[in-house]
């Protein structure tokens, strides 16, 4: 079963749209990364400066390799002026109930 990942980006006030614009270009590389099955971008209706990525990767190891690669490319440094806090990555298990 694919690994579902929820990545929450808490942005500084008024910076949520800036992150969405940045991601509109960066996610092409994400979708091409080995093991990536899909990535969807959301903003919190009540807190528009909270941006959420809903991701599917073949395995958790694929996603962890992706995060390592993103770190090596300098993406997190580029996000520093936009983010209000650390990225929150959650690995989710599906339950068919």
PDB file of N, CA and C in Angstrom:
ATOM      1  N   UNK A   1       0.848  -1.176   0.000  1.00  0.00           N
ATOM      2  CA  UNK A   1       0.000   0.000   0.000  1.00  0.00           C
ATOM      3  C   UNK A   1       0.896   1.243   0.000  1.00  0.00           C
ATOM      4  N   UNK A   2       0.580   2.231  -0.817  1.00  0.00           N
ATOM      5  CA  UNK A   2       1.384   3.461  -0.853  1.00  0.00           C
ATOM      6  C   UNK A   2       1.398   4.178   0.497  1.00  0.00           C
ATOM      7  N   UNK A   3       2.436   4.963   0.699  1.00  0.00           N
ATOM      8  CA  UNK A   3       2.569   5.754   1.920  1.00  0.00           C
ATOM      9  C   UNK A   3       1.902   7.107   1.710  1.00  0.00           C
ATOM     10  N   UNK A   4       0.933   7.436   2.570  1.00  0.00           N
ATOM     11  CA  UNK A   4       0.303   8.755   2.550  1.00  0.00           C
ATOM     12  C   UNK A   4       1.064   9.656   3.504  1.00  0.00           C
ATOM     13  N   UNK A   5       1.328  10.876   3.040  1.00  0.00           N
ATOM     14  CA  UNK A   5       2.088  11.841   3.826  1.00  0.00           C
ATOM     15  C   UNK A   5       1.325  13.155   3.853  1.00  0.00           C
ATOM     16  N   UNK A   6       1.219  13.723   5.046  1.00  0.00           N
ATOM     17  CA  UNK A   6       0.642  15.063   5.211  1.00  0.00           C
ATOM     18  C   UNK A   6       1.786  15.968   5.661  1.00  0.00           C
ATOM     19  N   UNK A   7       2.066  16.998   4.869  1.00  0.00           N
ATOM     20  CA  UNK A   7       3.126  17.947   5.207  1.00  0.00           C
ATOM     21  C   UNK A   7       2.470  19.309   5.426  1.00  0.00           C
ATOM     22  N   UNK A   8       2.629  19.844   6.634  1.00  0.00           N
ATOM     23  CA  UNK A   8       1.990  21.113   7.004  1.00  0.00           C
ATOM     24  C   UNK A   8       3.063  22.198   7.100  1.00  0.00           C
ATOM     25  N   UNK A   9       2.855  23.267   6.346  1.00  0.00           N
ATOM     26  CA  UNK A   9       3.767  24.404   6.312  1.00  0.00           C
ATOM     27  C   UNK A   9       3.098  25.594   7.008  1.00  0.00           C
ATOM     28  N   UNK A  10       3.505  25.928   8.241  1.00  0.00           N
ATOM     29  CA  UNK A  10       2.954  27.115   8.901  1.00  0.00           C
ATOM     30  C   UNK A  10       3.687  28.355   8.384  1.00  0.00           C
ATOM     31  N   UNK A  11       2.969  29.206   7.683  1.00  0.00           N
ATOM     32  CA  UNK A  11       3.581  30.396   7.078  1.00  0.00           C
ATOM     33  C   UNK A  11       3.394  31.631   7.955  1.00  0.00           C
ATOM     34  N   UNK A  12       4.261  32.580   7.752  1.00  0.00           N
ATOM     35  CA  UNK A  12       4.128  33.866   8.432  1.00  0.00           C
ATOM     36  C   UNK A  12       2.861  34.548   7.927  1.00  0.00           C
ATOM     37  N   UNK A  13       2.282  35.438   8.730  1.00  0.00           N
ATOM     38  CA  UNK A  13       1.057  36.121   8.312  1.00  0.00           C
ATOM     39  C   UNK A  13       1.198  36.756   6.924  1.00  0.00           C
ATOM     40  N   UNK A  14       0.229  36.449   6.075  1.00  0.00           N
ATOM     41  CA  UNK A  14       0.207  37.003   4.728  1.00  0.00           C
ATOM     42  C   UNK A  14       1.119  36.308   3.729  1.00  0.00           C
ATOM     43  N   UNK A  15       1.802  35.222   4.131  1.00  0.00           N
ATOM     44  CA  UNK A  15       2.780  34.565   3.256  1.00  0.00           C
ATOM     45  C   UNK A  15       2.290  33.232   2.668  1.00  0.00           C
ATOM     46  N   UNK A  16       1.090  32.800   3.026  1.00  0.00           N
ATOM     47  CA  UNK A  16       0.590  31.525   2.517  1.00  0.00           C
ATOM     48  C   UNK A  16       0.530  31.492   1.004  1.00  0.00           C
ATOM     49  N   UNK A  17       0.030  32.553   0.391  1.00  0.00           N
ATOM     50  CA  UNK A  17      -0.057  32.591  -1.064  1.00  0.00           C
ATOM     51  C   UNK A  17       1.329  32.598  -1.708  1.00  0.00           C
ATOM     52  N   UNK A  18       2.301  33.235  -1.049  1.00  0.00           N
ATOM     53  CA  UNK A  18       3.674  33.213  -1.566  1.00  0.00           C
ATOM     54  C   UNK A  18       4.186  31.779  -1.642  1.00  0.00           C
ATOM     55  N   UNK A  19       3.893  30.986  -0.614  1.00  0.00           N
ATOM     56  CA  UNK A  19       4.329  29.593  -0.624  1.00  0.00           C
ATOM     57  C   UNK A  19       3.623  28.810  -1.725  1.00  0.00           C
ATOM     58  N   UNK A  20       2.326  29.028  -1.886  1.00  0.00           N
ATOM     59  CA  UNK A  20       1.579  28.326  -2.934  1.00  0.00           C
ATOM     60  C   UNK A  20       2.187  28.650  -4.297  1.00  0.00           C
ATOM     61  N   UNK A  21       2.539  29.902  -4.521  1.00  0.00           N
ATOM     62  CA  UNK A  21       3.156  30.285  -5.796  1.00  0.00           C
ATOM     63  C   UNK A  21       4.504  29.598  -5.974  1.00  0.00           C
ATOM     64  N   UNK A  22       5.298  29.547  -4.919  1.00  0.00           N
ATOM     65  CA  UNK A  22       6.601  28.882  -4.982  1.00  0.00           C
ATOM     66  C   UNK A  22       6.418  27.392  -5.281  1.00  0.00           C
ATOM     67  N   UNK A  23       5.442  26.780  -4.634  1.00  0.00           N
ATOM     68  CA  UNK A  23       5.190  25.352  -4.838  1.00  0.00           C
ATOM     69  C   UNK A  23       4.681  25.051  -6.246  1.00  0.00           C
ATOM     70  N   UNK A  24       3.992  25.997  -6.856  1.00  0.00           N
ATOM     71  CA  UNK A  24       3.456  25.752  -8.199  1.00  0.00           C
ATOM     72  C   UNK A  24       4.579  25.424  -9.177  1.00  0.00           C
ATOM     73  N   UNK A  25       5.768  25.922  -8.923  1.00  0.00           N
ATOM     74  CA  UNK A  25       6.921  25.613  -9.766  1.00  0.00           C
ATOM     75  C   UNK A  25       7.689  24.397  -9.228  1.00  0.00           C
ATOM     76  N   UNK A  26       7.858  24.321  -7.926  1.00  0.00           N
ATOM     77  CA  UNK A  26       8.695  23.286  -7.311  1.00  0.00           C
ATOM     78  C   UNK A  26       8.069  21.896  -7.377  1.00  0.00           C
ATOM     79  N   UNK A  27       6.747  21.814  -7.398  1.00  0.00           N
ATOM     80  CA  UNK A  27       6.112  20.499  -7.330  1.00  0.00           C
ATOM     81  C   UNK A  27       6.233  19.687  -8.614  1.00  0.00           C
ATOM     82  N   UNK A  28       6.610  20.316  -9.717  1.00  0.00           N
ATOM     83  CA  UNK A  28       6.880  19.541 -10.933  1.00  0.00           C
ATOM     84  C   UNK A  28       8.038  18.579 -10.678  1.00  0.00           C
ATOM     85  N   UNK A  29       9.063  19.059  -9.961  1.00  0.00           N
ATOM     86  CA  UNK A  29      10.190  18.203  -9.608  1.00  0.00           C
ATOM     87  C   UNK A  29       9.770  17.119  -8.615  1.00  0.00           C
ATOM     88  N   UNK A  30       8.875  17.473  -7.706  1.00  0.00           N
ATOM     89  CA  UNK A  30       8.384  16.492  -6.736  1.00  0.00           C
ATOM     90  C   UNK A  30       7.675  15.358  -7.461  1.00  0.00           C
ATOM     91  N   UNK A  31       6.800  15.707  -8.379  1.00  0.00           N
ATOM     92  CA  UNK A  31       6.024  14.690  -9.097  1.00  0.00           C
ATOM     93  C   UNK A  31       6.913  13.786  -9.954  1.00  0.00           C
ATOM     94  N   UNK A  32       8.062  14.290 -10.353  1.00  0.00           N
ATOM     95  CA  UNK A  32       8.994  13.501 -11.161  1.00  0.00           C
ATOM     96  C   UNK A  32       9.963  12.686 -10.308  1.00  0.00           C
ATOM     97  N   UNK A  33       9.935  12.891  -8.992  1.00  0.00           N
ATOM     98  CA  UNK A  33      10.874  12.206  -8.114  1.00  0.00           C
ATOM     99  C   UNK A  33      10.515  10.720  -8.025  1.00  0.00           C
ATOM    100  N   UNK A  34      11.522   9.834  -8.016  1.00  0.00           N
ATOM    101  CA  UNK A  34      11.242   8.387  -7.931  1.00  0.00           C
ATOM    102  C   UNK A  34      10.371   8.045  -6.713  1.00  0.00           C
ATOM    103  N   UNK A  35       9.301   7.321  -6.975  1.00  0.00           N
ATOM    104  CA  UNK A  35       8.413   6.879  -5.907  1.00  0.00           C
ATOM    105  C   UNK A  35       7.227   7.788  -5.665  1.00  0.00           C
ATOM    106  N   UNK A  36       7.255   9.001  -6.224  1.00  0.00           N
ATOM    107  CA  UNK A  36       6.124   9.915  -6.018  1.00  0.00           C
ATOM    108  C   UNK A  36       4.959   9.484  -6.893  1.00  0.00           C
ATOM    109  N   UNK A  37       3.802   9.296  -6.263  1.00  0.00           N
ATOM    110  CA  UNK A  37       2.588   8.921  -6.980  1.00  0.00           C
ATOM    111  C   UNK A  37       1.670  10.119  -7.198  1.00  0.00           C
ATOM    112  N   UNK A  38       1.621  11.033  -6.218  1.00  0.00           N
ATOM    113  CA  UNK A  38       0.782  12.221  -6.363  1.00  0.00           C
ATOM    114  C   UNK A  38       1.108  13.229  -5.265  1.00  0.00           C
ATOM    115  N   UNK A  39       0.800  14.486  -5.561  1.00  0.00           N
ATOM    116  CA  UNK A  39       0.920  15.575  -4.580  1.00  0.00           C
ATOM    117  C   UNK A  39      -0.228  16.535  -4.833  1.00  0.00           C
ATOM    118  N   UNK A  40      -0.954  16.864  -3.769  1.00  0.00           N
ATOM    119  CA  UNK A  40      -2.036  17.857  -3.841  1.00  0.00           C
ATOM    120  C   UNK A  40      -1.723  18.964  -2.852  1.00  0.00           C
ATOM    121  N   UNK A  41      -2.080  20.197  -3.218  1.00  0.00           N
ATOM    122  CA  UNK A  41      -1.804  21.360  -2.379  1.00  0.00           C
ATOM    123  C   UNK A  41      -3.119  21.932  -1.856  1.00  0.00           C
ATOM    124  N   UNK A  42      -3.144  22.228  -0.560  1.00  0.00           N
ATOM    125  CA  UNK A  42      -4.327  22.792   0.085  1.00  0.00           C
ATOM    126  C   UNK A  42      -3.924  23.974   0.958  1.00  0.00           C
ATOM    127  N   UNK A  43      -4.867  24.880   1.178  1.00  0.00           N
ATOM    128  CA  UNK A  43      -4.714  25.889   2.225  1.00  0.00           C
ATOM    129  C   UNK A  43      -5.879  25.704   3.190  1.00  0.00           C
ATOM    130  N   UNK A  44      -5.614  25.975   4.446  1.00  0.00           N
ATOM    131  CA  UNK A  44      -6.630  25.882   5.486  1.00  0.00           C
ATOM    132  C   UNK A  44      -7.629  27.026   5.277  1.00  0.00           C
ATOM    133  N   UNK A  45      -8.903  26.698   5.167  1.00  0.00           N
ATOM    134  CA  UNK A  45      -9.942  27.699   4.917  1.00  0.00           C
ATOM    135  C   UNK A  45      -9.951  28.769   6.000  1.00  0.00           C
ATOM    136  N   UNK A  46      -9.760  28.362   7.250  1.00  0.00           N
ATOM    137  CA  UNK A  46      -9.818  29.304   8.363  1.00  0.00           C
ATOM    138  C   UNK A  46      -8.466  29.938   8.682  1.00  0.00           C
ATOM    139  N   UNK A  47      -7.392  29.339   8.206  1.00  0.00           N
ATOM    140  CA  UNK A  47      -6.044  29.865   8.436  1.00  0.00           C
ATOM    141  C   UNK A  47      -5.281  29.784   7.111  1.00  0.00           C
ATOM    142  N   UNK A  48      -5.523  30.740   6.197  1.00  0.00           N
ATOM    143  CA  UNK A  48      -4.951  30.641   4.845  1.00  0.00           C
ATOM    144  C   UNK A  48      -3.428  30.693   4.793  1.00  0.00           C
ATOM    145  N   UNK A  49      -2.792  30.978   5.905  1.00  0.00           N
ATOM    146  CA  UNK A  49      -1.335  30.951   5.942  1.00  0.00           C
ATOM    147  C   UNK A  49      -0.805  29.604   6.426  1.00  0.00           C
ATOM    148  N   UNK A  50      -1.678  28.610   6.452  1.00  0.00           N
ATOM    149  CA  UNK A  50      -1.281  27.228   6.695  1.00  0.00           C
ATOM    150  C   UNK A  50      -1.492  26.474   5.391  1.00  0.00           C
ATOM    151  N   UNK A  51      -0.389  25.986   4.828  1.00  0.00           N
ATOM    152  CA  UNK A  51      -0.419  25.267   3.557  1.00  0.00           C
ATOM    153  C   UNK A  51      -0.136  23.795   3.844  1.00  0.00           C
ATOM    154  N   UNK A  52      -0.937  22.930   3.226  1.00  0.00           N
ATOM    155  CA  UNK A  52      -0.828  21.496   3.452  1.00  0.00           C
ATOM    156  C   UNK A  52      -0.597  20.791   2.119  1.00  0.00           C
ATOM    157  N   UNK A  53       0.393  19.914   2.094  1.00  0.00           N
ATOM    158  CA  UNK A  53       0.577  19.015   0.957  1.00  0.00           C
ATOM    159  C   UNK A  53       0.090  17.637   1.365  1.00  0.00           C
ATOM    160  N   UNK A  54      -0.734  17.035   0.526  1.00  0.00           N
ATOM    161  CA  UNK A  54      -1.222  15.673   0.708  1.00  0.00           C
ATOM    162  C   UNK A  54      -0.517  14.848  -0.360  1.00  0.00           C
ATOM    163  N   UNK A  55       0.382  13.983   0.080  1.00  0.00           N
ATOM    164  CA  UNK A  55       1.274  13.297  -0.839  1.00  0.00           C
ATOM    165  C   UNK A  55       1.086  11.793  -0.764  1.00  0.00           C
ATOM    166  N   UNK A  56       1.335  11.130  -1.885  1.00  0.00           N
ATOM    167  CA  UNK A  56       1.360   9.670  -1.945  1.00  0.00           C
ATOM    168  C   UNK A  56       2.708   9.282  -2.554  1.00  0.00           C
ATOM    169  N   UNK A  57       3.438   8.450  -1.826  1.00  0.00           N
ATOM    170  CA  UNK A  57       4.697   7.895  -2.303  1.00  0.00           C
ATOM    171  C   UNK A  57       4.591   6.384  -2.231  1.00  0.00           C
ATOM    172  N   UNK A  58       5.368   5.713  -3.057  1.00  0.00           N
ATOM    173  CA  UNK A  58       5.323   4.251  -3.043  1.00  0.00           C
ATOM    174  C   UNK A  58       5.688   3.703  -1.673  1.00  0.00           C
ATOM    175  N   UNK A  59       6.706   4.305  -1.029  1.00  0.00           N
ATOM    176  CA  UNK A  59       7.127   3.869   0.302  1.00  0.00           C
ATOM    177  C   UNK A  59       7.539   5.078   1.137  1.00  0.00           C
ATOM    178  N   UNK A  60       7.603   4.877   2.432  1.00  0.00           N
ATOM    179  CA  UNK A  60       8.110   5.925   3.318  1.00  0.00           C
ATOM    180  C   UNK A  60       9.570   6.239   2.979  1.00  0.00           C
ATOM    181  N   UNK A  61      10.341   5.211   2.668  1.00  0.00           N
ATOM    182  CA  UNK A  61      11.746   5.417   2.309  1.00  0.00           C
ATOM    183  C   UNK A  61      11.867   6.325   1.086  1.00  0.00           C
ATOM    184  N   UNK A  62      10.956   6.183   0.122  1.00  0.00           N
ATOM    185  CA  UNK A  62      10.972   7.072  -1.047  1.00  0.00           C
ATOM    186  C   UNK A  62      10.745   8.516  -0.623  1.00  0.00           C
ATOM    187  N   UNK A  63       9.798   8.726   0.290  1.00  0.00           N
ATOM    188  CA  UNK A  63       9.527  10.094   0.748  1.00  0.00           C
ATOM    189  C   UNK A  63      10.696  10.644   1.546  1.00  0.00           C
ATOM    190  N   UNK A  64      11.288   9.821   2.388  1.00  0.00           N
ATOM    191  CA  UNK A  64      12.440  10.271   3.168  1.00  0.00           C
ATOM    192  C   UNK A  64      13.611  10.627   2.257  1.00  0.00           C
ATOM    193  N   UNK A  65      13.800   9.863   1.177  1.00  0.00           N
ATOM    194  CA  UNK A  65      14.845  10.193   0.196  1.00  0.00           C
ATOM    195  C   UNK A  65      14.524  11.515  -0.485  1.00  0.00           C
ATOM    196  N   UNK A  66      13.255  11.731  -0.759  1.00  0.00           N
ATOM    197  CA  UNK A  66      12.814  12.992  -1.356  1.00  0.00           C
ATOM    198  C   UNK A  66      13.113  14.166  -0.420  1.00  0.00           C
ATOM    199  N   UNK A  67      12.776  14.031   0.860  1.00  0.00           N
ATOM    200  CA  UNK A  67      13.057  15.113   1.816  1.00  0.00           C
ATOM    201  C   UNK A  67      14.551  15.395   1.911  1.00  0.00           C
ATOM    202  N   UNK A  68      15.348  14.351   1.906  1.00  0.00           N
ATOM    203  CA  UNK A  68      16.806  14.524   1.945  1.00  0.00           C
ATOM    204  C   UNK A  68      17.268  15.304   0.715  1.00  0.00           C
ATOM    205  N   UNK A  69      16.766  14.919  -0.449  1.00  0.00           N
ATOM    206  CA  UNK A  69      17.105  15.603  -1.696  1.00  0.00           C
ATOM    207  C   UNK A  69      16.692  17.072  -1.639  1.00  0.00           C
ATOM    208  N   UNK A  70      15.485  17.340  -1.153  1.00  0.00           N
ATOM    209  CA  UNK A  70      15.016  18.736  -1.038  1.00  0.00           C
ATOM    210  C   UNK A  70      15.959  19.530  -0.137  1.00  0.00           C
ATOM    211  N   UNK A  71      16.407  18.932   0.945  1.00  0.00           N
ATOM    212  CA  UNK A  71      17.352  19.607   1.829  1.00  0.00           C
ATOM    213  C   UNK A  71      18.650  19.925   1.116  1.00  0.00           C
ATOM    214  N   UNK A  72      19.113  18.997   0.301  1.00  0.00           N
ATOM    215  CA  UNK A  72      20.363  19.194  -0.435  1.00  0.00           C
ATOM    216  C   UNK A  72      20.251  20.262  -1.512  1.00  0.00           C
ATOM    217  N   UNK A  73      19.047  20.475  -2.038  1.00  0.00           N
ATOM    218  CA  UNK A  73      18.861  21.467  -3.095  1.00  0.00           C
ATOM    219  C   UNK A  73      18.725  22.889  -2.546  1.00  0.00           C
ATOM    220  N   UNK A  74      18.637  23.035  -1.218  1.00  0.00           N
ATOM    221  CA  UNK A  74      18.497  24.358  -0.621  1.00  0.00           C
ATOM    222  C   UNK A  74      17.068  24.853  -0.510  1.00  0.00           C
ATOM    223  N   UNK A  75      16.120  23.980  -0.763  1.00  0.00           N
ATOM    224  CA  UNK A  75      14.710  24.388  -0.721  1.00  0.00           C
ATOM    225  C   UNK A  75      14.299  24.897   0.659  1.00  0.00           C
ATOM    226  N   UNK A  76      14.756  24.230   1.716  1.00  0.00           N
ATOM    227  CA  UNK A  76      14.338  24.662   3.053  1.00  0.00           C
ATOM    228  C   UNK A  76      14.895  26.044   3.386  1.00  0.00           C
ATOM    229  N   UNK A  77      16.098  26.334   2.938  1.00  0.00           N
ATOM    230  CA  UNK A  77      16.651  27.678   3.149  1.00  0.00           C
ATOM    231  C   UNK A  77      15.829  28.711   2.383  1.00  0.00           C
ATOM    232  N   UNK A  78      15.378  28.341   1.185  1.00  0.00           N
ATOM    233  CA  UNK A  78      14.553  29.253   0.388  1.00  0.00           C
ATOM    234  C   UNK A  78      13.202  29.509   1.050  1.00  0.00           C
ATOM    235  N   UNK A  79      12.711  28.522   1.809  1.00  0.00           N
ATOM    236  CA  UNK A  79      11.414  28.675   2.487  1.00  0.00           C
ATOM    237  C   UNK A  79      11.514  29.450   3.797  1.00  0.00           C
ATOM    238  N   UNK A  80      12.715  29.569   4.341  1.00  0.00           N
ATOM    239  CA  UNK A  80      12.895  30.190   5.661  1.00  0.00           C
ATOM    240  C   UNK A  80      12.228  31.557   5.801  1.00  0.00           C
ATOM    241  N   UNK A  81      12.311  32.460   4.816  1.00  0.00           N
ATOM    242  CA  UNK A  81      11.660  33.759   4.977  1.00  0.00           C
ATOM    243  C   UNK A  81      10.131  33.696   4.956  1.00  0.00           C
ATOM    244  N   UNK A  82       9.579  32.577   4.517  1.00  0.00           N
ATOM    245  CA  UNK A  82       8.123  32.427   4.408  1.00  0.00           C
ATOM    246  C   UNK A  82       7.539  31.714   5.621  1.00  0.00           C
ATOM    247  N   UNK A  83       8.266  30.741   6.143  1.00  0.00           N
ATOM    248  CA  UNK A  83       7.728  29.899   7.215  1.00  0.00           C
ATOM    249  C   UNK A  83       7.774  30.578   8.576  1.00  0.00           C
ATOM    250  N   UNK A  84       6.745  30.291   9.380  1.00  0.00           N
ATOM    251  CA  UNK A  84       6.669  30.809  10.746  1.00  0.00           C
ATOM    252  C   UNK A  84       7.147  29.775  11.755  1.00  0.00           C
ATOM    253  N   UNK A  85       7.351  28.548  11.301  1.00  0.00           N
ATOM    254  CA  UNK A  85       7.770  27.467  12.178  1.00  0.00           C
ATOM    255  C   UNK A  85       8.230  26.299  11.342  1.00  0.00           C
ATOM    256  N   UNK A  86       8.601  25.203  12.002  1.00  0.00           N
ATOM    257  CA  UNK A  86       9.119  24.049  11.258  1.00  0.00           C
ATOM    258  C   UNK A  86       8.029  23.330  10.459  1.00  0.00           C
ATOM    259  N   UNK A  87       8.459  22.717   9.395  1.00  0.00           N
ATOM    260  CA  UNK A  87       7.598  21.856   8.601  1.00  0.00           C
ATOM    261  C   UNK A  87       7.177  20.670   9.466  1.00  0.00           C
ATOM    262  N   UNK A  88       5.892  20.322   9.426  1.00  0.00           N
ATOM    263  CA  UNK A  88       5.367  19.183  10.184  1.00  0.00           C
ATOM    264  C   UNK A  88       5.004  18.078   9.202  1.00  0.00           C
ATOM    265  N   UNK A  89       5.782  16.989   9.198  1.00  0.00           N
ATOM    266  CA  UNK A  89       5.547  15.867   8.298  1.00  0.00           C
ATOM    267  C   UNK A  89       4.936  14.724   9.096  1.00  0.00           C
ATOM    268  N   UNK A  90       3.806  14.213   8.597  1.00  0.00           N
ATOM    269  CA  UNK A  90       3.115  13.110   9.260  1.00  0.00           C
ATOM    270  C   UNK A  90       2.933  11.968   8.268  1.00  0.00           C
ATOM    271  N   UNK A  91       3.357  10.766   8.672  1.00  0.00           N
ATOM    272  CA  UNK A  91       3.165   9.561   7.861  1.00  0.00           C
ATOM    273  C   UNK A  91       1.908   8.868   8.355  1.00  0.00           C
ATOM    274  N   UNK A  92       0.969   8.634   7.447  1.00  0.00           N
ATOM    275  CA  UNK A  92      -0.351   8.136   7.819  1.00  0.00           C
ATOM    276  C   UNK A  92      -0.575   6.718   7.310  1.00  0.00           C
ATOM    277  N   UNK A  93      -1.193   5.895   8.149  1.00  0.00           N
ATOM    278  CA  UNK A  93      -1.613   4.556   7.758  1.00  0.00           C
ATOM    279  C   UNK A  93      -3.105   4.584   7.440  1.00  0.00           C
ATOM    280  N   UNK A  94      -3.486   3.933   6.361  1.00  0.00           N
ATOM    281  CA  UNK A  94      -4.875   3.814   5.951  1.00  0.00           C
ATOM    282  C   UNK A  94      -5.529   2.661   6.700  1.00  0.00           C
ATOM    283  N   UNK A  95      -6.765   2.858   7.111  1.00  0.00           N
ATOM    284  CA  UNK A  95      -7.570   1.810   7.755  1.00  0.00           C
ATOM    285  C   UNK A  95      -8.898   1.714   7.022  1.00  0.00           C
ATOM    286  N   UNK A  96      -9.187   0.597   6.469  1.00  0.00           N
ATOM    287  CA  UNK A  96     -10.422   0.376   5.712  1.00  0.00           C
ATOM    288  C   UNK A  96     -11.512  -0.069   6.679  1.00  0.00           C
ATOM    289  N   UNK A  97     -12.074   0.898   7.388  1.00  0.00           N
ATOM    290  CA  UNK A  97     -13.132   0.577   8.355  1.00  0.00           C
ATOM    291  C   UNK A  97     -14.422   1.275   8.009  1.00  0.00           C
TER     292      UNK A  97
END
